[in-house]
PDB file of N, CA and C in Angstrom:
ATOM      1  N   MET A   1       9.384  11.565 -11.462  1.00  0.00           N
ATOM      2  CA  MET A   1       8.295  10.950 -10.717  1.00  0.00           C
ATOM      3  C   MET A   1       8.117   9.523 -11.231  1.00  0.00           C
ATOM      4  N   THR A   2       7.922   8.613 -10.320  1.00  0.00           N
ATOM      5  CA  THR A   2       7.836   7.198 -10.690  1.00  0.00           C
ATOM      6  C   THR A   2       6.412   6.657 -10.596  1.00  0.00           C
ATOM      7  N   GLY A   3       5.463   7.521 -10.872  1.00  0.00           N
ATOM      8  CA  GLY A   3       4.069   7.104 -10.816  1.00  0.00           C
ATOM      9  C   GLY A   3       3.175   8.154 -11.438  1.00  0.00           C
ATOM     10  N   GLN A   4       1.885   7.910 -11.331  1.00  0.00           N
ATOM     11  CA  GLN A   4       0.896   8.840 -11.864  1.00  0.00           C
ATOM     12  C   GLN A   4       0.015   9.342 -10.725  1.00  0.00           C
ATOM     13  N   VAL A   5      -0.483  10.543 -10.913  1.00  0.00           N
ATOM     14  CA  VAL A   5      -1.410  11.127  -9.947  1.00  0.00           C
ATOM     15  C   VAL A   5      -2.810  11.029 -10.531  1.00  0.00           C
ATOM     16  N   THR A   6      -3.734  10.569  -9.723  1.00  0.00           N
ATOM     17  CA  THR A   6      -5.121  10.434 -10.147  1.00  0.00           C
ATOM     18  C   THR A   6      -6.018  10.605  -8.933  1.00  0.00           C
ATOM     19  N   ASP A   7      -7.277  10.828  -9.172  1.00  0.00           N
ATOM     20  CA  ASP A   7      -8.240  10.878  -8.075  1.00  0.00           C
ATOM     21  C   ASP A   7      -8.927   9.529  -7.969  1.00  0.00           C
ATOM     22  N   ILE A   8      -8.961   9.008  -6.759  1.00  0.00           N
ATOM     23  CA  ILE A   8      -9.708   7.787  -6.461  1.00  0.00           C
ATOM     24  C   ILE A   8     -10.739   8.195  -5.427  1.00  0.00           C
ATOM     25  N   GLY A   9     -11.982   8.266  -5.860  1.00  0.00           N
ATOM     26  CA  GLY A   9     -13.007   8.826  -4.987  1.00  0.00           C
ATOM     27  C   GLY A   9     -12.641  10.264  -4.678  1.00  0.00           C
ATOM     28  N   ALA A  10     -12.685  10.617  -3.406  1.00  0.00           N
ATOM     29  CA  ALA A  10     -12.369  11.974  -2.985  1.00  0.00           C
ATOM     30  C   ALA A  10     -10.886  12.157  -2.666  1.00  0.00           C
ATOM     31  N   LEU A  11     -10.086  11.125  -2.878  1.00  0.00           N
ATOM     32  CA  LEU A  11      -8.670  11.194  -2.519  1.00  0.00           C
ATOM     33  C   LEU A  11      -7.783  11.393  -3.744  1.00  0.00           C
ATOM     34  N   ARG A  12      -6.839  12.311  -3.606  1.00  0.00           N
ATOM     35  CA  ARG A  12      -5.795  12.443  -4.623  1.00  0.00           C
ATOM     36  C   ARG A  12      -4.793  11.325  -4.342  1.00  0.00           C
ATOM     37  N   ALA A  13      -4.518  10.514  -5.356  1.00  0.00           N
ATOM     38  CA  ALA A  13      -3.685   9.330  -5.166  1.00  0.00           C
ATOM     39  C   ALA A  13      -2.437   9.388  -6.035  1.00  0.00           C
ATOM     40  N   PHE A  14      -1.348   8.916  -5.463  1.00  0.00           N
ATOM     41  CA  PHE A  14      -0.118   8.693  -6.210  1.00  0.00           C
ATOM     42  C   PHE A  14      -0.037   7.197  -6.453  1.00  0.00           C
ATOM     43  N   VAL A  15      -0.161   6.794  -7.716  1.00  0.00           N
ATOM     44  CA  VAL A  15      -0.135   5.376  -8.084  1.00  0.00           C
ATOM     45  C   VAL A  15       1.266   5.060  -8.599  1.00  0.00           C
ATOM     46  N   TRP A  16       1.995   4.300  -7.801  1.00  0.00           N
ATOM     47  CA  TRP A  16       3.369   3.944  -8.135  1.00  0.00           C
ATOM     48  C   TRP A  16       3.373   3.034  -9.345  1.00  0.00           C
ATOM     49  N   ASN A  17       4.308   3.234 -10.255  1.00  0.00           N
ATOM     50  CA  ASN A  17       4.415   2.389 -11.444  1.00  0.00           C
ATOM     51  C   ASN A  17       4.616   0.929 -11.048  1.00  0.00           C
ATOM     52  N   ALA A  18       4.098   0.014 -11.857  1.00  0.00           N
ATOM     53  CA  ALA A  18       4.218  -1.420 -11.576  1.00  0.00           C
ATOM     54  C   ALA A  18       5.645  -1.929 -11.772  1.00  0.00           C
ATOM     55  N   GLU A  19       6.433  -1.222 -12.558  1.00  0.00           N
ATOM     56  CA  GLU A  19       7.812  -1.639 -12.804  1.00  0.00           C
ATOM     57  C   GLU A  19       8.765  -0.677 -12.127  1.00  0.00           C
ATOM     58  N   GLY A  20       9.833  -1.226 -11.572  1.00  0.00           N
ATOM     59  CA  GLY A  20      10.836  -0.407 -10.920  1.00  0.00           C
ATOM     60  C   GLY A  20      11.384  -1.108  -9.703  1.00  0.00           C
ATOM     61  N   PRO A  21      12.227  -0.405  -8.943  1.00  0.00           N
ATOM     62  CA  PRO A  21      12.818  -1.001  -7.748  1.00  0.00           C
ATOM     63  C   PRO A  21      11.743  -1.416  -6.738  1.00  0.00           C
ATOM     64  N   LEU A  22      12.102  -2.390  -5.922  1.00  0.00           N
ATOM     65  CA  LEU A  22      11.166  -2.900  -4.925  1.00  0.00           C
ATOM     66  C   LEU A  22      11.071  -1.987  -3.709  1.00  0.00           C
ATOM     67  N   LEU A  23       9.934  -2.031  -3.065  1.00  0.00           N
ATOM     68  CA  LEU A  23       9.740  -1.393  -1.763  1.00  0.00           C
ATOM     69  C   LEU A  23      10.237  -2.410  -0.742  1.00  0.00           C
ATOM     70  N   ALA A  24      11.519  -2.298  -0.382  1.00  0.00           N
ATOM     71  CA  ALA A  24      12.155  -3.347   0.410  1.00  0.00           C
ATOM     72  C   ALA A  24      12.785  -2.854   1.705  1.00  0.00           C
ATOM     73  N   THR A  25      12.834  -1.524   1.903  1.00  0.00           N
ATOM     74  CA  THR A  25      13.459  -0.984   3.111  1.00  0.00           C
ATOM     75  C   THR A  25      12.674   0.229   3.603  1.00  0.00           C
ATOM     76  N   SER A  26      12.978   0.617   4.814  1.00  0.00           N
ATOM     77  CA  SER A  26      12.373   1.825   5.366  1.00  0.00           C
ATOM     78  C   SER A  26      12.766   3.047   4.534  1.00  0.00           C
ATOM     79  N   ARG A  27      13.977   3.050   4.020  1.00  0.00           N
ATOM     80  CA  ARG A  27      14.447   4.160   3.179  1.00  0.00           C
ATOM     81  C   ARG A  27      13.620   4.255   1.895  1.00  0.00           C
ATOM     82  N   ASP A  28      13.299   3.099   1.307  1.00  0.00           N
ATOM     83  CA  ASP A  28      12.442   3.089   0.116  1.00  0.00           C
ATOM     84  C   ASP A  28      11.089   3.714   0.440  1.00  0.00           C
ATOM     85  N   ALA A  29      10.568   3.388   1.616  1.00  0.00           N
ATOM     86  CA  ALA A  29       9.281   3.947   2.034  1.00  0.00           C
ATOM     87  C   ALA A  29       9.385   5.458   2.200  1.00  0.00           C
ATOM     88  N   SER A  30      10.482   5.931   2.787  1.00  0.00           N
ATOM     89  CA  SER A  30      10.673   7.376   2.955  1.00  0.00           C
ATOM     90  C   SER A  30      10.713   8.081   1.607  1.00  0.00           C
ATOM     91  N   ASP A  31      11.393   7.479   0.644  1.00  0.00           N
ATOM     92  CA  ASP A  31      11.446   8.063  -0.700  1.00  0.00           C
ATOM     93  C   ASP A  31      10.055   8.136  -1.320  1.00  0.00           C
ATOM     94  N   LEU A  32       9.267   7.091  -1.118  1.00  0.00           N
ATOM     95  CA  LEU A  32       7.914   7.059  -1.672  1.00  0.00           C
ATOM     96  C   LEU A  32       7.011   8.077  -0.978  1.00  0.00           C
ATOM     97  N   VAL A  33       7.182   8.250   0.324  1.00  0.00           N
ATOM     98  CA  VAL A  33       6.441   9.289   1.052  1.00  0.00           C
ATOM     99  C   VAL A  33       6.769  10.655   0.454  1.00  0.00           C
ATOM    100  N   GLY A  34       8.043  10.894   0.171  1.00  0.00           N
ATOM    101  CA  GLY A  34       8.452  12.158  -0.439  1.00  0.00           C
ATOM    102  C   GLY A  34       7.804  12.383  -1.793  1.00  0.00           C
ATOM    103  N   GLU A  35       7.728  11.332  -2.606  1.00  0.00           N
ATOM    104  CA  GLU A  35       7.068  11.459  -3.907  1.00  0.00           C
ATOM    105  C   GLU A  35       5.587  11.773  -3.737  1.00  0.00           C
ATOM    106  N   ALA A  36       4.955  11.128  -2.766  1.00  0.00           N
ATOM    107  CA  ALA A  36       3.531  11.380  -2.525  1.00  0.00           C
ATOM    108  C   ALA A  36       3.304  12.825  -2.103  1.00  0.00           C
ATOM    109  N   PHE A  37       4.151  13.326  -1.209  1.00  0.00           N
ATOM    110  CA  PHE A  37       4.008  14.715  -0.780  1.00  0.00           C
ATOM    111  C   PHE A  37       4.257  15.673  -1.938  1.00  0.00           C
ATOM    112  N   SER A  38       5.231  15.372  -2.791  1.00  0.00           N
ATOM    113  CA  SER A  38       5.504  16.218  -3.958  1.00  0.00           C
ATOM    114  C   SER A  38       4.304  16.285  -4.890  1.00  0.00           C
ATOM    115  N   ALA A  39       3.545  15.196  -4.938  1.00  0.00           N
ATOM    116  CA  ALA A  39       2.356  15.133  -5.795  1.00  0.00           C
ATOM    117  C   ALA A  39       1.107  15.624  -5.080  1.00  0.00           C
ATOM    118  N   ASP A  40       1.260  16.054  -3.820  1.00  0.00           N
ATOM    119  CA  ASP A  40       0.129  16.505  -3.002  1.00  0.00           C
ATOM    120  C   ASP A  40      -0.938  15.406  -2.867  1.00  0.00           C
ATOM    121  N   ALA A  41      -0.469  14.158  -2.779  1.00  0.00           N
ATOM    122  CA  ALA A  41      -1.380  13.013  -2.672  1.00  0.00           C
ATOM    123  C   ALA A  41      -1.657  12.679  -1.211  1.00  0.00           C
ATOM    124  N   ARG A  42      -2.811  12.102  -0.960  1.00  0.00           N
ATOM    125  CA  ARG A  42      -3.190  11.636   0.380  1.00  0.00           C
ATOM    126  C   ARG A  42      -3.220  10.115   0.450  1.00  0.00           C
ATOM    127  N   LEU A  43      -3.166   9.469  -0.716  1.00  0.00           N
ATOM    128  CA  LEU A  43      -3.180   8.012  -0.822  1.00  0.00           C
ATOM    129  C   LEU A  43      -2.044   7.582  -1.739  1.00  0.00           C
ATOM    130  N   VAL A  44      -1.316   6.562  -1.327  1.00  0.00           N
ATOM    131  CA  VAL A  44      -0.271   5.971  -2.157  1.00  0.00           C
ATOM    132  C   VAL A  44      -0.718   4.560  -2.521  1.00  0.00           C
ATOM    133  N   VAL A  45      -0.679   4.248  -3.803  1.00  0.00           N
ATOM    134  CA  VAL A  45      -1.072   2.923  -4.290  1.00  0.00           C
ATOM    135  C   VAL A  45       0.194   2.209  -4.762  1.00  0.00           C
ATOM    136  N   VAL A  46       0.474   1.075  -4.124  1.00  0.00           N
ATOM    137  CA  VAL A  46       1.676   0.303  -4.424  1.00  0.00           C
ATOM    138  C   VAL A  46       1.277  -1.019  -5.075  1.00  0.00           C
ATOM    139  N   PRO A  47       1.659  -1.236  -6.328  1.00  0.00           N
ATOM    140  CA  PRO A  47       1.379  -2.529  -6.955  1.00  0.00           C
ATOM    141  C   PRO A  47       2.111  -3.649  -6.217  1.00  0.00           C
ATOM    142  N   VAL A  48       1.464  -4.772  -6.058  1.00  0.00           N
ATOM    143  CA  VAL A  48       2.047  -5.891  -5.322  1.00  0.00           C
ATOM    144  C   VAL A  48       3.380  -6.327  -5.939  1.00  0.00           C
ATOM    145  N   GLU A  49       3.553  -6.101  -7.229  1.00  0.00           N
ATOM    146  CA  GLU A  49       4.806  -6.459  -7.902  1.00  0.00           C
ATOM    147  C   GLU A  49       6.000  -5.682  -7.364  1.00  0.00           C
ATOM    148  N   ARG A  50       5.751  -4.553  -6.725  1.00  0.00           N
ATOM    149  CA  ARG A  50       6.832  -3.703  -6.217  1.00  0.00           C
ATOM    150  C   ARG A  50       7.202  -4.009  -4.772  1.00  0.00           C
ATOM    151  N   LEU A  51       6.532  -4.980  -4.147  1.00  0.00           N
ATOM    152  CA  LEU A  51       6.834  -5.310  -2.755  1.00  0.00           C
ATOM    153  C   LEU A  51       8.090  -6.170  -2.669  1.00  0.00           C
ATOM    154  N   GLY A  52       8.960  -5.818  -1.723  1.00  0.00           N
ATOM    155  CA  GLY A  52      10.134  -6.645  -1.472  1.00  0.00           C
ATOM    156  C   GLY A  52       9.707  -8.032  -1.012  1.00  0.00           C
ATOM    157  N   GLY A  53      10.566  -9.019  -1.218  1.00  0.00           N
ATOM    158  CA  GLY A  53      10.238 -10.407  -0.925  1.00  0.00           C
ATOM    159  C   GLY A  53       9.782 -10.676   0.494  1.00  0.00           C
ATOM    160  N   ASP A  54      10.266  -9.906   1.460  1.00  0.00           N
ATOM    161  CA  ASP A  54       9.892 -10.131   2.857  1.00  0.00           C
ATOM    162  C   ASP A  54       8.661  -9.348   3.290  1.00  0.00           C
ATOM    163  N   PHE A  55       8.136  -8.500   2.431  1.00  0.00           N
ATOM    164  CA  PHE A  55       7.040  -7.621   2.841  1.00  0.00           C
ATOM    165  C   PHE A  55       5.845  -8.407   3.366  1.00  0.00           C
ATOM    166  N   LEU A  56       5.450  -9.453   2.671  1.00  0.00           N
ATOM    167  CA  LEU A  56       4.266 -10.217   3.065  1.00  0.00           C
ATOM    168  C   LEU A  56       4.575 -11.294   4.106  1.00  0.00           C
ATOM    169  N   LYS A  57       5.813 -11.359   4.565  1.00  0.00           N
ATOM    170  CA  LYS A  57       6.189 -12.235   5.686  1.00  0.00           C
ATOM    171  C   LYS A  57       6.164 -11.363   6.935  1.00  0.00           C
ATOM    172  N   LEU A  58       5.071 -11.410   7.665  1.00  0.00           N
ATOM    173  CA  LEU A  58       4.895 -10.487   8.785  1.00  0.00           C
ATOM    174  C   LEU A  58       6.001 -10.614   9.821  1.00  0.00           C
ATOM    175  N   SER A  59       6.559 -11.805   9.972  1.00  0.00           N
ATOM    176  CA  SER A  59       7.615 -11.995  10.970  1.00  0.00           C
ATOM    177  C   SER A  59       8.870 -11.188  10.654  1.00  0.00           C
ATOM    178  N   SER A  60       9.034 -10.740   9.413  1.00  0.00           N
ATOM    179  CA  SER A  60      10.202  -9.929   9.053  1.00  0.00           C
ATOM    180  C   SER A  60      10.109  -8.524   9.633  1.00  0.00           C
ATOM    181  N   GLY A  61       8.896  -8.065   9.908  1.00  0.00           N
ATOM    182  CA  GLY A  61       8.700  -6.716  10.432  1.00  0.00           C
ATOM    183  C   GLY A  61       8.679  -5.635   9.365  1.00  0.00           C
ATOM    184  N   LEU A  62       8.999  -5.985   8.127  1.00  0.00           N
ATOM    185  CA  LEU A  62       9.076  -4.978   7.064  1.00  0.00           C
ATOM    186  C   LEU A  62       7.730  -4.318   6.801  1.00  0.00           C
ATOM    187  N   ALA A  63       6.678  -5.111   6.688  1.00  0.00           N
ATOM    188  CA  ALA A  63       5.357  -4.529   6.416  1.00  0.00           C
ATOM    189  C   ALA A  63       4.966  -3.551   7.517  1.00  0.00           C
ATOM    190  N   GLY A  64       5.145  -3.951   8.755  1.00  0.00           N
ATOM    191  CA  GLY A  64       4.788  -3.068   9.864  1.00  0.00           C
ATOM    192  C   GLY A  64       5.570  -1.772   9.844  1.00  0.00           C
ATOM    193  N   GLU A  65       6.865  -1.872   9.602  1.00  0.00           N
ATOM    194  CA  GLU A  65       7.719  -0.684   9.567  1.00  0.00           C
ATOM    195  C   GLU A  65       7.324   0.255   8.429  1.00  0.00           C
ATOM    196  N   VAL A  66       7.123  -0.306   7.255  1.00  0.00           N
ATOM    197  CA  VAL A  66       6.788   0.501   6.080  1.00  0.00           C
ATOM    198  C   VAL A  66       5.400   1.113   6.213  1.00  0.00           C
ATOM    199  N   LEU A  67       4.416   0.305   6.558  1.00  0.00           N
ATOM    200  CA  LEU A  67       3.042   0.806   6.650  1.00  0.00           C
ATOM    201  C   LEU A  67       2.912   1.854   7.743  1.00  0.00           C
ATOM    202  N   GLN A  68       3.597   1.651   8.872  1.00  0.00           N
ATOM    203  CA  GLN A  68       3.539   2.626   9.960  1.00  0.00           C
ATOM    204  C   GLN A  68       4.113   3.968   9.525  1.00  0.00           C
ATOM    205  N   LYS A  69       5.132   3.937   8.694  1.00  0.00           N
ATOM    206  CA  LYS A  69       5.731   5.189   8.204  1.00  0.00           C
ATOM    207  C   LYS A  69       4.689   6.020   7.448  1.00  0.00           C
ATOM    208  N   PHE A  70       3.907   5.370   6.584  1.00  0.00           N
ATOM    209  CA  PHE A  70       2.877   6.091   5.842  1.00  0.00           C
ATOM    210  C   PHE A  70       1.826   6.660   6.790  1.00  0.00           C
ATOM    211  N   VAL A  71       1.390   5.861   7.733  1.00  0.00           N
ATOM    212  CA  VAL A  71       0.378   6.310   8.694  1.00  0.00           C
ATOM    213  C   VAL A  71       0.920   7.477   9.515  1.00  0.00           C
ATOM    214  N   ASN A  72       2.174   7.389   9.953  1.00  0.00           N
ATOM    215  CA  ASN A  72       2.771   8.468  10.747  1.00  0.00           C
ATOM    216  C   ASN A  72       2.808   9.790   9.984  1.00  0.00           C
ATOM    217  N   TYR A  73       2.955   9.718   8.671  1.00  0.00           N
ATOM    218  CA  TYR A  73       2.971  10.928   7.851  1.00  0.00           C
ATOM    219  C   TYR A  73       1.579  11.341   7.381  1.00  0.00           C
ATOM    220  N   GLY A  74       0.556  10.677   7.880  1.00  0.00           N
ATOM    221  CA  GLY A  74      -0.818  11.056   7.539  1.00  0.00           C
ATOM    222  C   GLY A  74      -1.255  10.618   6.157  1.00  0.00           C
ATOM    223  N   LEU A  75      -0.573   9.636   5.602  1.00  0.00           N
ATOM    224  CA  LEU A  75      -0.924   9.126   4.278  1.00  0.00           C
ATOM    225  C   LEU A  75      -1.642   7.790   4.395  1.00  0.00           C
ATOM    226  N   LYS A  76      -2.557   7.574   3.497  1.00  0.00           N
ATOM    227  CA  LYS A  76      -3.182   6.264   3.363  1.00  0.00           C
ATOM    228  C   LYS A  76      -2.354   5.484   2.352  1.00  0.00           C
ATOM    229  N   ILE A  77      -2.332   4.159   2.498  1.00  0.00           N
ATOM    230  CA  ILE A  77      -1.587   3.329   1.558  1.00  0.00           C
ATOM    231  C   ILE A  77      -2.427   2.124   1.175  1.00  0.00           C
ATOM    232  N   ALA A  78      -2.365   1.795  -0.096  1.00  0.00           N
ATOM    233  CA  ALA A  78      -3.073   0.621  -0.603  1.00  0.00           C
ATOM    234  C   ALA A  78      -2.087  -0.265  -1.348  1.00  0.00           C
ATOM    235  N   ILE A  79      -2.142  -1.551  -1.047  1.00  0.00           N
ATOM    236  CA  ILE A  79      -1.391  -2.548  -1.799  1.00  0.00           C
ATOM    237  C   ILE A  79      -2.356  -3.082  -2.844  1.00  0.00           C
ATOM    238  N   LEU A  80      -1.998  -2.931  -4.104  1.00  0.00           N
ATOM    239  CA  LEU A  80      -2.901  -3.272  -5.198  1.00  0.00           C
ATOM    240  C   LEU A  80      -2.403  -4.509  -5.938  1.00  0.00           C
ATOM    241  N   GLY A  81      -3.224  -5.551  -5.941  1.00  0.00           N
ATOM    242  CA  GLY A  81      -2.881  -6.767  -6.662  1.00  0.00           C
ATOM    243  C   GLY A  81      -3.251  -8.003  -5.867  1.00  0.00           C
ATOM    244  N   ASP A  82      -2.954  -9.132  -6.439  1.00  0.00           N
ATOM    245  CA  ASP A  82      -3.355 -10.419  -5.877  1.00  0.00           C
ATOM    246  C   ASP A  82      -2.368 -10.891  -4.811  1.00  0.00           C
ATOM    247  N   VAL A  83      -2.810 -10.922  -3.577  1.00  0.00           N
ATOM    248  CA  VAL A  83      -2.008 -11.454  -2.472  1.00  0.00           C
ATOM    249  C   VAL A  83      -2.647 -12.729  -1.922  1.00  0.00           C
ATOM    250  N   SER A  84      -3.547 -13.327  -2.686  1.00  0.00           N
ATOM    251  CA  SER A  84      -4.304 -14.478  -2.186  1.00  0.00           C
ATOM    252  C   SER A  84      -3.416 -15.674  -1.864  1.00  0.00           C
ATOM    253  N   ALA A  85      -2.392 -15.939  -2.658  1.00  0.00           N
ATOM    254  CA  ALA A  85      -1.519 -17.082  -2.373  1.00  0.00           C
ATOM    255  C   ALA A  85      -0.775 -16.874  -1.056  1.00  0.00           C
ATOM    256  N   ALA A  86      -0.246 -15.675  -0.854  1.00  0.00           N
ATOM    257  CA  ALA A  86       0.476 -15.392   0.387  1.00  0.00           C
ATOM    258  C   ALA A  86      -0.454 -15.431   1.588  1.00  0.00           C
ATOM    259  N   SER A  87      -1.662 -14.888   1.448  1.00  0.00           N
ATOM    260  CA  SER A  87      -2.594 -14.881   2.583  1.00  0.00           C
ATOM    261  C   SER A  87      -3.131 -16.278   2.871  1.00  0.00           C
ATOM    262  N   ALA A  88      -3.285 -17.111   1.848  1.00  0.00           N
ATOM    263  CA  ALA A  88      -3.738 -18.489   2.067  1.00  0.00           C
ATOM    264  C   ALA A  88      -2.679 -19.297   2.812  1.00  0.00           C
ATOM    265  N   ALA A  89      -1.416 -18.938   2.621  1.00  0.00           N
ATOM    266  CA  ALA A  89      -0.318 -19.665   3.260  1.00  0.00           C
ATOM    267  C   ALA A  89      -0.012 -19.169   4.669  1.00  0.00           C
ATOM    268  N   SER A  90      -0.619 -18.060   5.068  1.00  0.00           N
ATOM    269  CA  SER A  90      -0.301 -17.465   6.371  1.00  0.00           C
ATOM    270  C   SER A  90      -1.556 -16.938   7.044  1.00  0.00           C
ATOM    271  N   GLY A  91      -1.974 -17.609   8.100  1.00  0.00           N
ATOM    272  CA  GLY A  91      -3.132 -17.139   8.864  1.00  0.00           C
ATOM    273  C   GLY A  91      -2.935 -15.733   9.409  1.00  0.00           C
ATOM    274  N   PRO A  92      -1.764 -15.434  10.001  1.00  0.00           N
ATOM    275  CA  PRO A  92      -1.555 -14.074  10.499  1.00  0.00           C
ATOM    276  C   PRO A  92      -1.654 -13.015   9.398  1.00  0.00           C
ATOM    277  N   LEU A  93      -1.122 -13.304   8.213  1.00  0.00           N
ATOM    278  CA  LEU A  93      -1.219 -12.340   7.112  1.00  0.00           C
ATOM    279  C   LEU A  93      -2.667 -12.173   6.688  1.00  0.00           C
ATOM    280  N   ARG A  94      -3.390 -13.273   6.579  1.00  0.00           N
ATOM    281  CA  ARG A  94      -4.810 -13.211   6.208  1.00  0.00           C
ATOM    282  C   ARG A  94      -5.572 -12.339   7.210  1.00  0.00           C
ATOM    283  N   ASP A  95      -5.314 -12.522   8.505  1.00  0.00           N
ATOM    284  CA  ASP A  95      -5.973 -11.717   9.537  1.00  0.00           C
ATOM    285  C   ASP A  95      -5.564 -10.252   9.447  1.00  0.00           C
ATOM    286  N   PHE A  96      -4.280 -10.002   9.176  1.00  0.00           N
ATOM    287  CA  PHE A  96      -3.785  -8.636   9.045  1.00  0.00           C
ATOM    288  C   PHE A  96      -4.470  -7.917   7.890  1.00  0.00           C
ATOM    289  N   ILE A  97      -4.596  -8.594   6.762  1.00  0.00           N
ATOM    290  CA  ILE A  97      -5.266  -8.004   5.600  1.00  0.00           C
ATOM    291  C   ILE A  97      -6.726  -7.714   5.923  1.00  0.00           C
ATOM    292  N   TYR A  98      -7.387  -8.655   6.565  1.00  0.00           N
ATOM    293  CA  TYR A  98      -8.796  -8.472   6.934  1.00  0.00           C
ATOM    294  C   TYR A  98      -8.960  -7.249   7.838  1.00  0.00           C
ATOM    295  N   GLU A  99      -8.142  -7.161   8.876  1.00  0.00           N
ATOM    296  CA  GLU A  99      -8.244  -6.029   9.810  1.00  0.00           C
ATOM    297  C   GLU A  99      -7.856  -4.715   9.138  1.00  0.00           C
ATOM    298  N   SER A 100      -6.841  -4.744   8.293  1.00  0.00           N
ATOM    299  CA  SER A 100      -6.440  -3.522   7.578  1.00  0.00           C
ATOM    300  C   SER A 100      -7.581  -3.005   6.722  1.00  0.00           C
ATOM    301  N   ASN A 101      -8.246  -3.886   6.024  1.00  0.00           N
ATOM    302  CA  ASN A 101      -9.329  -3.469   5.131  1.00  0.00           C
ATOM    303  C   ASN A 101     -10.560  -2.989   5.882  1.00  0.00           C
ATOM    304  N   ARG A 102     -10.644  -3.259   7.166  1.00  0.00           N
ATOM    305  CA  ARG A 102     -11.729  -2.720   7.989  1.00  0.00           C
ATOM    306  C   ARG A 102     -11.415  -1.295   8.437  1.00  0.00           C
ATOM    307  N   GLY A 103     -10.153  -0.902   8.334  1.00  0.00           N
ATOM    308  CA  GLY A 103      -9.716   0.410   8.785  1.00  0.00           C
ATOM    309  C   GLY A 103      -9.781   1.460   7.691  1.00  0.00           C
ATOM    310  N   LYS A 104      -9.098   2.573   7.950  1.00  0.00           N
ATOM    311  CA  LYS A 104      -9.170   3.714   7.038  1.00  0.00           C
ATOM    312  C   LYS A 104      -7.810   4.194   6.547  1.00  0.00           C
ATOM    313  N   SER A 105      -6.741   3.464   6.871  1.00  0.00           N
ATOM    314  CA  SER A 105      -5.406   3.941   6.511  1.00  0.00           C
ATOM    315  C   SER A 105      -4.610   2.994   5.636  1.00  0.00           C
ATOM    316  N   VAL A 106      -4.816   1.699   5.808  1.00  0.00           N
ATOM    317  CA  VAL A 106      -4.058   0.682   5.076  1.00  0.00           C
ATOM    318  C   VAL A 106      -5.056  -0.273   4.442  1.00  0.00           C
ATOM    319  N   TRP A 107      -4.922  -0.446   3.129  1.00  0.00           N
ATOM    320  CA  TRP A 107      -5.851  -1.326   2.413  1.00  0.00           C
ATOM    321  C   TRP A 107      -5.092  -2.279   1.503  1.00  0.00           C
ATOM    322  N   PHE A 108      -5.664  -3.448   1.310  1.00  0.00           N
ATOM    323  CA  PHE A 108      -5.197  -4.424   0.334  1.00  0.00           C
ATOM    324  C   PHE A 108      -6.356  -4.652  -0.621  1.00  0.00           C
ATOM    325  N   ALA A 109      -6.129  -4.428  -1.903  1.00  0.00           N
ATOM    326  CA  ALA A 109      -7.206  -4.567  -2.890  1.00  0.00           C
ATOM    327  C   ALA A 109      -6.688  -5.354  -4.094  1.00  0.00           C
ATOM    328  N   PRO A 110      -7.477  -6.307  -4.578  1.00  0.00           N
ATOM    329  CA  PRO A 110      -7.027  -7.100  -5.723  1.00  0.00           C
ATOM    330  C   PRO A 110      -7.010  -6.320  -7.036  1.00  0.00           C
ATOM    331  N   ASP A 111      -7.824  -5.267  -7.116  1.00  0.00           N
ATOM    332  CA  ASP A 111      -7.897  -4.480  -8.349  1.00  0.00           C
ATOM    333  C   ASP A 111      -8.394  -3.076  -8.016  1.00  0.00           C
ATOM    334  N   MET A 112      -8.372  -2.218  -9.019  1.00  0.00           N
ATOM    335  CA  MET A 112      -8.741  -0.815  -8.805  1.00  0.00           C
ATOM    336  C   MET A 112     -10.200  -0.669  -8.388  1.00  0.00           C
ATOM    337  N   ALA A 113     -11.093  -1.486  -8.915  1.00  0.00           N
ATOM    338  CA  ALA A 113     -12.511  -1.400  -8.533  1.00  0.00           C
ATOM    339  C   ALA A 113     -12.686  -1.692  -7.046  1.00  0.00           C
ATOM    340  N   ALA A 114     -11.983  -2.687  -6.540  1.00  0.00           N
ATOM    341  CA  ALA A 114     -12.066  -3.012  -5.114  1.00  0.00           C
ATOM    342  C   ALA A 114     -11.479  -1.881  -4.273  1.00  0.00           C
ATOM    343  N   LEU A 115     -10.402  -1.269  -4.748  1.00  0.00           N
ATOM    344  CA  LEU A 115      -9.816  -0.139  -4.027  1.00  0.00           C
ATOM    345  C   LEU A 115     -10.782   1.037  -4.003  1.00  0.00           C
ATOM    346  N   GLU A 116     -11.417   1.315  -5.122  1.00  0.00           N
ATOM    347  CA  GLU A 116     -12.396   2.407  -5.163  1.00  0.00           C
ATOM    348  C   GLU A 116     -13.514   2.166  -4.151  1.00  0.00           C
ATOM    349  N   ALA A 117     -13.940   0.920  -3.987  1.00  0.00           N
ATOM    350  CA  ALA A 117     -14.980   0.600  -3.006  1.00  0.00           C
ATOM    351  C   ALA A 117     -14.478   0.835  -1.584  1.00  0.00           C
ATOM    352  N   LEU A 118     -13.230   0.480  -1.297  1.00  0.00           N
ATOM    353  CA  LEU A 118     -12.666   0.720   0.033  1.00  0.00           C
ATOM    354  C   LEU A 118     -12.563   2.216   0.316  1.00  0.00           C
ATOM    355  N   VAL A 119     -12.119   2.981  -0.670  1.00  0.00           N
ATOM    356  CA  VAL A 119     -12.004   4.437  -0.504  1.00  0.00           C
ATOM    357  C   VAL A 119     -13.383   5.052  -0.295  1.00  0.00           C
ATOM    358  N   ALA A 120     -14.367   4.616  -1.047  1.00  0.00           N
ATOM    359  CA  ALA A 120     -15.725   5.160  -0.927  1.00  0.00           C
ATOM    360  C   ALA A 120     -16.315   4.881   0.449  1.00  0.00           C
ATOM    361  N   ARG A 121     -15.969   3.741   1.002  1.00  0.00           N
ATOM    362  CA  ARG A 121     -16.461   3.368   2.329  1.00  0.00           C
ATOM    363  C   ARG A 121     -15.835   4.250   3.410  1.00  0.00           C
ATOM    364  N   GLY A 122     -14.644   4.746   3.107  1.00  0.00           N
ATOM    365  CA  GLY A 122     -13.995   5.656   4.047  1.00  0.00           C
ATOM    366  C   GLY A 122     -13.017   4.952   4.860  1.00  0.00           C
TER     367      GLY A 122
END
């Protein structure tokens, strides 16, 4: 297992280790979904350090493909860490993060306290 299982609010979460291979392909996402299911988790927390270089470039389509995979499998996903530089450089990314954080399936949080607040909100 490449992460730890913990409870964040009412959700059992699989927190992926900060070090390791990048989440850079749909196959990587499928592997991570499998780990989450093995851990009986409903939320997957991905440190921003583990994102492939194109993930935060919305035009690449990688973020949409990966995030949709988690949603399709009924999992919530949180990107944990500082994405402020990338969002400041891209209006579409900034809007995507804002809209995601208003929802209930995909979240971007700078730290664990912010993620706990998003989970508590539902």
